[in-house]
C-alpha atoms as a PDB file:
ATOM      1  CA  MET A   1     -72.372  55.626 -68.335  1.00  0.00           C
ATOM      2  CA  ALA A   2     -74.429  52.481 -69.012  1.00  0.00           C
ATOM      3  CA  ARG A   3     -72.310  51.757 -72.067  1.00  0.00           C
ATOM      4  CA  ILE A   4     -69.103  52.127 -70.038  1.00  0.00           C
ATOM      5  CA  TRP A   5     -70.335  49.634 -67.439  1.00  0.00           C
ATOM      6  CA  THR A   6     -71.367  47.236 -70.213  1.00  0.00           C
ATOM      7  CA  VAL A   7     -67.899  47.385 -71.749  1.00  0.00           C
ATOM      8  CA  LEU A   8     -66.268  46.855 -68.334  1.00  0.00           C
ATOM      9  CA  PHE A   9     -68.563  43.894 -67.705  1.00  0.00           C
ATOM     10  CA  LEU A  10     -67.609  42.285 -71.015  1.00  0.00           C
ATOM     11  CA  LEU A  11     -63.913  42.885 -70.423  1.00  0.00           C
ATOM     12  CA  THR A  12     -64.171  41.232 -67.000  1.00  0.00           C
ATOM     13  CA  VAL A  13     -65.964  38.232 -68.496  1.00  0.00           C
ATOM     14  CA  TRP A  14     -63.343  38.089 -71.244  1.00  0.00           C
ATOM     15  CA  LEU A  15     -60.565  37.833 -68.662  1.00  0.00           C
ATOM     16  CA  ILE A  16     -62.326  35.489 -66.234  1.00  0.00           C
ATOM     17  CA  GLY A  17     -64.017  33.191 -68.696  1.00  0.00           C
ATOM     18  CA  THR A  18     -66.696  30.670 -67.855  1.00  0.00           C
ATOM     19  CA  PRO A  19     -66.799  27.826 -65.362  1.00  0.00           C
ATOM     20  CA  ALA A  20     -65.236  24.543 -66.424  1.00  0.00           C
ATOM     21  CA  PRO A  21     -67.684  22.640 -68.664  1.00  0.00           C
ATOM     22  CA  ALA A  22     -69.037  19.228 -67.788  1.00  0.00           C
ATOM     23  CA  ALA A  23     -67.085  16.277 -69.141  1.00  0.00           C
ATOM     24  CA  ALA A  24     -67.764  15.808 -72.834  1.00  0.00           C
ATOM     25  CA  PRO A  25     -69.648  12.631 -73.789  1.00  0.00           C
ATOM     26  CA  LYS A  26     -67.554   9.880 -75.308  1.00  0.00           C
ATOM     27  CA  ASP A  27     -67.629   9.380 -79.051  1.00  0.00           C
ATOM     28  CA  TYR A  28     -69.787   6.578 -80.394  1.00  0.00           C
ATOM     29  CA  ALA A  29     -67.551   3.527 -80.855  1.00  0.00           C
ATOM     30  CA  ASP A  30     -69.698   1.005 -82.762  1.00  0.00           C
ATOM     31  CA  ALA A  31     -68.831  -0.037 -86.312  1.00  0.00           C
ATOM     32  CA  ASP A  32     -71.790   1.831 -87.840  1.00  0.00           C
ATOM     33  CA  ALA A  33     -70.578   5.244 -86.633  1.00  0.00           C
ATOM     34  CA  GLY A  34     -70.640   8.311 -88.812  1.00  0.00           C
ATOM     35  CA  VAL A  35     -68.446  11.390 -88.476  1.00  0.00           C
ATOM     36  CA  LEU A  36     -69.462  14.956 -87.599  1.00  0.00           C
ATOM     37  CA  VAL A  37     -67.128  17.845 -88.459  1.00  0.00           C
ATOM     38  CA  TYR A  38     -67.541  21.515 -87.512  1.00  0.00           C
ATOM     39  CA  SER A  39     -65.510  24.429 -86.192  1.00  0.00           C
ATOM     40  CA  VAL A  40     -66.043  26.776 -83.261  1.00  0.00           C
ATOM     41  CA  GLY A  41     -64.436  30.116 -82.555  1.00  0.00           C
ATOM     42  CA  ALA A  42     -64.712  33.745 -81.548  1.00  0.00           C
ATOM     43  CA  ILE A  43     -64.416  36.916 -83.572  1.00  0.00           C
ATOM     44  CA  GLU A  44     -62.397  39.689 -81.880  1.00  0.00           C
ATOM     45  CA  ILE A  45     -63.587  39.183 -78.261  1.00  0.00           C
ATOM     46  CA  PRO A  46     -63.509  35.562 -77.023  1.00  0.00           C
ATOM     47  CA  MET A  47     -66.310  34.160 -74.906  1.00  0.00           C
ATOM     48  CA  ASN A  48     -67.244  30.563 -74.203  1.00  0.00           C
ATOM     49  CA  PHE A  49     -70.487  29.288 -75.697  1.00  0.00           C
ATOM     50  CA  THR A  50     -72.493  26.183 -76.479  1.00  0.00           C
ATOM     51  CA  PHE A  51     -75.079  25.051 -78.980  1.00  0.00           C
ATOM     52  CA  GLN A  52     -76.975  21.995 -77.799  1.00  0.00           C
ATOM     53  CA  TYR A  53     -78.116  19.120 -79.972  1.00  0.00           C
ATOM     54  CA  ARG A  54     -79.436  15.595 -79.626  1.00  0.00           C
ATOM     55  CA  ARG A  55     -80.277  12.611 -81.798  1.00  0.00           C
ATOM     56  CA  VAL A  56     -84.032  12.489 -82.393  1.00  0.00           C
ATOM     57  CA  ARG A  57     -84.315   9.551 -84.845  1.00  0.00           C
ATOM     58  CA  ASP A  58     -82.122   6.533 -85.430  1.00  0.00           C
ATOM     59  CA  ALA A  59     -80.845   5.410 -88.836  1.00  0.00           C
ATOM     60  CA  ALA A  60     -84.144   3.586 -89.493  1.00  0.00           C
ATOM     61  CA  GLY A  61     -86.191   6.708 -88.741  1.00  0.00           C
ATOM     62  CA  ARG A  62     -87.439   5.539 -85.344  1.00  0.00           C
ATOM     63  CA  PRO A  63     -87.789   8.285 -82.696  1.00  0.00           C
ATOM     64  CA  VAL A  64     -85.221   8.170 -79.890  1.00  0.00           C
ATOM     65  CA  LYS A  65     -84.714  10.187 -76.711  1.00  0.00           C
ATOM     66  CA  GLU A  66     -81.061  10.662 -75.915  1.00  0.00           C
ATOM     67  CA  ARG A  67     -78.964  12.946 -73.753  1.00  0.00           C
ATOM     68  CA  VAL A  68     -78.109  16.425 -74.937  1.00  0.00           C
ATOM     69  CA  GLN A  69     -74.701  16.918 -76.527  1.00  0.00           C
ATOM     70  CA  VAL A  70     -72.993  20.217 -77.228  1.00  0.00           C
ATOM     71  CA  ILE A  71     -71.191  22.123 -79.913  1.00  0.00           C
ATOM     72  CA  GLU A  72     -68.920  23.879 -77.478  1.00  0.00           C
ATOM     73  CA  CYS A  73     -66.280  26.572 -77.721  1.00  0.00           C
ATOM     74  CA  ALA A  74     -63.826  26.916 -74.852  1.00  0.00           C
ATOM     75  CA  CYS A  75     -62.873  30.203 -76.452  1.00  0.00           C
ATOM     76  CA  VAL A  76     -61.344  31.663 -73.277  1.00  0.00           C
ATOM     77  CA  GLY A  77     -58.095  30.072 -72.139  1.00  0.00           C
ATOM     78  CA  PHE A  78     -57.239  29.390 -68.501  1.00  0.00           C
ATOM     79  CA  PHE A  79     -54.131  31.588 -68.378  1.00  0.00           C
ATOM     80  CA  ARG A  80     -54.861  33.942 -71.273  1.00  0.00           C
ATOM     81  CA  ALA A  81     -57.856  35.472 -72.972  1.00  0.00           C
ATOM     82  CA  ARG A  82     -57.734  33.347 -76.116  1.00  0.00           C
ATOM     83  CA  MET A  83     -58.182  29.594 -76.362  1.00  0.00           C
ATOM     84  CA  ALA A  84     -55.224  27.275 -76.052  1.00  0.00           C
ATOM     85  CA  ASP A  85     -53.856  25.527 -79.157  1.00  0.00           C
ATOM     86  CA  PRO A  86     -56.224  26.983 -81.778  1.00  0.00           C
ATOM     87  CA  ASP A  87     -56.328  25.540 -85.299  1.00  0.00           C
ATOM     88  CA  TYR A  88     -56.560  29.041 -86.779  1.00  0.00           C
ATOM     89  CA  GLU A  89     -55.831  32.505 -85.408  1.00  0.00           C
ATOM     90  CA  GLY A  90     -56.362  36.116 -86.393  1.00  0.00           C
ATOM     91  CA  ARG A  91     -59.500  38.190 -86.237  1.00  0.00           C
ATOM     92  CA  GLU A  92     -61.270  34.880 -85.704  1.00  0.00           C
ATOM     93  CA  THR A  93     -59.648  32.268 -83.472  1.00  0.00           C
ATOM     94  CA  GLY A  94     -60.983  28.747 -83.235  1.00  0.00           C
ATOM     95  CA  LYS A  95     -60.748  25.000 -83.559  1.00  0.00           C
ATOM     96  CA  VAL A  96     -61.976  22.247 -85.852  1.00  0.00           C
ATOM     97  CA  VAL A  97     -63.886  19.475 -84.070  1.00  0.00           C
ATOM     98  CA  ILE A  98     -64.299  15.878 -85.257  1.00  0.00           C
ATOM     99  CA  ARG A  99     -66.842  13.608 -83.537  1.00  0.00           C
ATOM    100  CA  ASP A 100     -67.895   9.997 -84.118  1.00  0.00           C
ATOM    101  CA  LEU A 101     -71.659   9.751 -83.641  1.00  0.00           C
ATOM    102  CA  ALA A 102     -74.402   7.165 -83.941  1.00  0.00           C
ATOM    103  CA  PRO A 103     -76.146   7.353 -87.318  1.00  0.00           C
ATOM    104  CA  GLY A 104     -79.480   9.125 -87.454  1.00  0.00           C
ATOM    105  CA  ASP A 105     -81.137  12.532 -87.485  1.00  0.00           C
ATOM    106  CA  TYR A 106     -80.012  15.240 -85.066  1.00  0.00           C
ATOM    107  CA  GLU A 107     -81.505  18.600 -84.083  1.00  0.00           C
ATOM    108  CA  ILE A 108     -79.765  21.723 -82.760  1.00  0.00           C
ATOM    109  CA  ASP A 109     -82.360  23.441 -80.612  1.00  0.00           C
ATOM    110  CA  ASP A 110     -80.723  25.985 -78.282  1.00  0.00           C
ATOM    111  CA  PHE A 111     -77.604  28.041 -77.669  1.00  0.00           C
ATOM    112  CA  GLY A 112     -76.146  30.280 -75.006  1.00  0.00           C
ATOM    113  CA  PHE A 113     -73.116  31.412 -73.084  1.00  0.00           C
ATOM    114  CA  GLY A 114     -72.272  31.867 -69.439  1.00  0.00           C
ATOM    115  CA  GLY A 115     -69.595  32.776 -66.977  1.00  0.00           C
ATOM    116  CA  SER A 116     -68.890  34.632 -63.766  1.00  0.00           C
ATOM    117  CA  VAL A 117     -67.932  38.098 -62.603  1.00  0.00           C
ATOM    118  CA  GLY A 118     -66.303  37.883 -59.187  1.00  0.00           C
ATOM    119  CA  ALA A 119     -68.588  35.752 -57.026  1.00  0.00           C
ATOM    120  CA  THR A 120     -71.598  36.361 -59.264  1.00  0.00           C
ATOM    121  CA  GLY A 121     -72.514  33.822 -61.937  1.00  0.00           C
ATOM    122  CA  TYR A 122     -74.569  34.579 -64.991  1.00  0.00           C
ATOM    123  CA  SER A 123     -75.926  32.747 -67.984  1.00  0.00           C
ATOM    124  CA  TRP A 124     -77.664  33.725 -71.184  1.00  0.00           C
ATOM    125  CA  SER A 125     -79.614  31.589 -73.597  1.00  0.00           C
ATOM    126  CA  SER A 126     -81.587  32.286 -76.707  1.00  0.00           C
ATOM    127  CA  GLY A 127     -84.978  32.187 -75.002  1.00  0.00           C
ATOM    128  CA  ARG A 128     -86.326  30.789 -78.242  1.00  0.00           C
ATOM    129  CA  LYS A 129     -85.889  27.255 -79.509  1.00  0.00           C
ATOM    130  CA  LEU A 130     -84.050  26.726 -82.763  1.00  0.00           C
ATOM    131  CA  ALA A 131     -84.810  24.272 -85.549  1.00  0.00           C
ATOM    132  CA  MET A 132     -81.571  23.240 -87.216  1.00  0.00           C
ATOM    133  CA  SER A 133     -81.068  19.638 -88.243  1.00  0.00           C
ATOM    134  CA  PHE A 134     -78.379  17.408 -89.686  1.00  0.00           C
ATOM    135  CA  ARG A 135     -78.032  13.725 -90.557  1.00  0.00           C
ATOM    136  CA  VAL A 136     -75.183  11.432 -89.594  1.00  0.00           C
ATOM    137  CA  THR A 137     -74.742   8.486 -91.980  1.00  0.00           C
ATOM    138  CA  SER A 138     -72.824   5.337 -91.177  1.00  0.00           C
ATOM    139  CA  GLY A 139     -69.354   5.288 -92.730  1.00  0.00           C
ATOM    140  CA  GLU A 140     -69.643   8.873 -93.989  1.00  0.00           C
ATOM    141  CA  ALA A 141     -68.845  12.356 -92.680  1.00  0.00           C
ATOM    142  CA  VAL A 142     -70.976  15.487 -92.559  1.00  0.00           C
ATOM    143  CA  TYR A 143     -69.700  19.043 -92.150  1.00  0.00           C
ATOM    144  CA  ILE A 144     -72.204  21.378 -90.486  1.00  0.00           C
ATOM    145  CA  GLY A 145     -70.320  24.669 -90.564  1.00  0.00           C
ATOM    146  CA  ASN A 146     -68.331  27.203 -88.599  1.00  0.00           C
ATOM    147  CA  TYR A 147     -69.944  28.522 -85.409  1.00  0.00           C
ATOM    148  CA  ALA A 148     -68.385  31.813 -84.339  1.00  0.00           C
ATOM    149  CA  ARG A 149     -69.462  34.337 -81.725  1.00  0.00           C
ATOM    150  CA  ALA A 150     -68.982  38.019 -82.498  1.00  0.00           C
ATOM    151  CA  PRO A 151     -69.509  41.186 -80.408  1.00  0.00           C
ATOM    152  CA  SER A 152     -72.601  43.241 -81.156  1.00  0.00           C
ATOM    153  CA  LEU A 153     -71.374  46.485 -79.585  1.00  0.00           C
ATOM    154  CA  GLY A 154     -70.390  48.937 -82.285  1.00  0.00           C
ATOM    155  CA  THR A 155     -72.310  47.075 -85.004  1.00  0.00           C
ATOM    156  CA  PRO A 156     -75.752  47.688 -86.563  1.00  0.00           C
ATOM    157  CA  LEU A 157     -77.043  44.891 -84.303  1.00  0.00           C
ATOM    158  CA  GLU A 158     -76.326  46.819 -81.085  1.00  0.00           C
ATOM    159  CA  LYS A 159     -79.766  48.439 -81.083  1.00  0.00           C
ATOM    160  CA  THR A 160     -81.430  45.026 -81.128  1.00  0.00           C
ATOM    161  CA  LEU A 161     -79.008  42.872 -79.151  1.00  0.00           C
ATOM    162  CA  GLY A 162     -77.282  45.356 -76.850  1.00  0.00           C
ATOM    163  CA  ALA A 163     -74.067  43.784 -75.561  1.00  0.00           C
ATOM    164  CA  ALA A 164     -75.235  40.160 -75.917  1.00  0.00           C
ATOM    165  CA  GLY A 165     -73.295  39.501 -79.105  1.00  0.00           C
ATOM    166  CA  PHE A 166     -74.367  37.317 -81.994  1.00  0.00           C
ATOM    167  CA  PHE A 167     -73.369  34.127 -83.783  1.00  0.00           C
ATOM    168  CA  VAL A 168     -72.301  33.606 -87.368  1.00  0.00           C
ATOM    169  CA  ILE A 169     -72.963  30.155 -88.844  1.00  0.00           C
ATOM    170  CA  SER A 170     -71.153  29.880 -92.155  1.00  0.00           C
ATOM    171  CA  ASP A 171     -69.472  27.522 -94.582  1.00  0.00           C
ATOM    172  CA  LYS A 172     -65.729  27.410 -93.942  1.00  0.00           C
ATOM    173  CA  SER A 173     -65.417  23.882 -95.306  1.00  0.00           C
ATOM    174  CA  GLN A 174     -62.380  24.609 -97.476  1.00  0.00           C
ATOM    175  CA  ARG A 175     -60.424  25.730 -94.414  1.00  0.00           C
ATOM    176  CA  ASP A 176     -61.895  23.297 -91.905  1.00  0.00           C
ATOM    177  CA  LEU A 177     -61.854  20.098 -93.928  1.00  0.00           C
ATOM    178  CA  ALA A 178     -58.203  20.582 -94.836  1.00  0.00           C
ATOM    179  CA  ARG A 179     -57.404  20.664 -91.122  1.00  0.00           C
ATOM    180  CA  ALA A 180     -59.729  17.757 -90.396  1.00  0.00           C
ATOM    181  CA  ARG A 181     -58.062  15.572 -93.037  1.00  0.00           C
ATOM    182  CA  ALA A 182     -54.599  16.522 -91.781  1.00  0.00           C
ATOM    183  CA  ARG A 183     -55.606  15.375 -88.316  1.00  0.00           C
ATOM    184  CA  ARG A 184     -57.519  12.321 -89.498  1.00  0.00           C
ATOM    185  CA  PRO A 185     -56.222  11.049 -92.856  1.00  0.00           C
ATOM    186  CA  ASP A 186     -58.847   8.267 -92.947  1.00  0.00           C
ATOM    187  CA  LEU A 187     -61.719  10.773 -92.861  1.00  0.00           C
ATOM    188  CA  PRO A 188     -64.462   9.332 -95.107  1.00  0.00           C
ATOM    189  CA  ALA A 189     -66.275  11.182 -97.866  1.00  0.00           C
ATOM    190  CA  VAL A 190     -67.755  14.432 -96.562  1.00  0.00           C
ATOM    191  CA  THR A 191     -71.154  15.969 -97.263  1.00  0.00           C
ATOM    192  CA  VAL A 192     -71.288  19.727 -96.662  1.00  0.00           C
ATOM    193  CA  ALA A 193     -74.610  20.478 -94.951  1.00  0.00           C
ATOM    194  CA  VAL A 194     -74.365  23.895 -93.286  1.00  0.00           C
ATOM    195  CA  PRO A 195     -77.679  25.096 -91.813  1.00  0.00           C
ATOM    196  CA  ASP A 196     -79.214  28.154 -93.478  1.00  0.00           C
ATOM    197  CA  ALA A 197     -78.906  30.749 -90.722  1.00  0.00           C
ATOM    198  CA  THR A 198     -81.092  33.259 -92.574  1.00  0.00           C
ATOM    199  CA  ALA A 199     -84.005  30.808 -92.596  1.00  0.00           C
ATOM    200  CA  LEU A 200     -84.035  30.820 -88.783  1.00  0.00           C
ATOM    201  CA  ASN A 201     -85.024  34.497 -88.704  1.00  0.00           C
ATOM    202  CA  HIS A 202     -83.304  34.785 -85.322  1.00  0.00           C
ATOM    203  CA  PRO A 203     -81.802  38.192 -84.436  1.00  0.00           C
ATOM    204  CA  ALA A 204     -78.732  36.645 -82.773  1.00  0.00           C
ATOM    205  CA  ILE A 205     -77.861  34.146 -85.529  1.00  0.00           C
ATOM    206  CA  ARG A 206     -76.479  35.352 -88.839  1.00  0.00           C
ATOM    207  CA  ALA A 207     -75.043  33.862 -92.007  1.00  0.00           C
ATOM    208  CA  ALA A 208     -72.469  36.667 -92.135  1.00  0.00           C
ATOM    209  CA  GLU A 209     -71.382  39.694 -90.140  1.00  0.00           C
ATOM    210  CA  PRO A 210     -73.490  42.833 -90.743  1.00  0.00           C
ATOM    211  CA  ARG A 211     -71.923  45.627 -92.766  1.00  0.00           C
END
């Protein structure tokens, strides 16, 4: 019975989606900007999610304290379950994102998802800080991977994660950079720097789907 209610809960969330996100911060517009490229999507069952990151050091290595930014997937459309205008569709549906950022060192330190069921809101976060970093270099681009949420029910991870689901962070640069260059022909030279998900030793973050 508990499993049936869990499935019904997830189906309701799938159809309702999450509240509208806050307005995204504007891209950095100064001449020394670098470019960040990544993709976000959902495997099988869409659900909105975010990974949060911030710049922690400037290009000269000086510590800075700046507002949080997000790697965000609006994976649930307003009128249909899947996102609107995806860059790729199938078992995984998602989009490629291109951002202009200030040069420096950035850290990804948390992730989560949220939504509402009827009048009741809910949110879920990792409960454990992450330690993933990337560097943005002036006049260059960096690709930091594909971030995809997958359902844990019916997988070997169900015993550990229940119905929370998990994330796969992987290198889909061949697919994603082709789309990024089609959208932005002047994209500068790209360094592929996908975080090693296995090194995080986090039960909800994987480098690949379990078999």
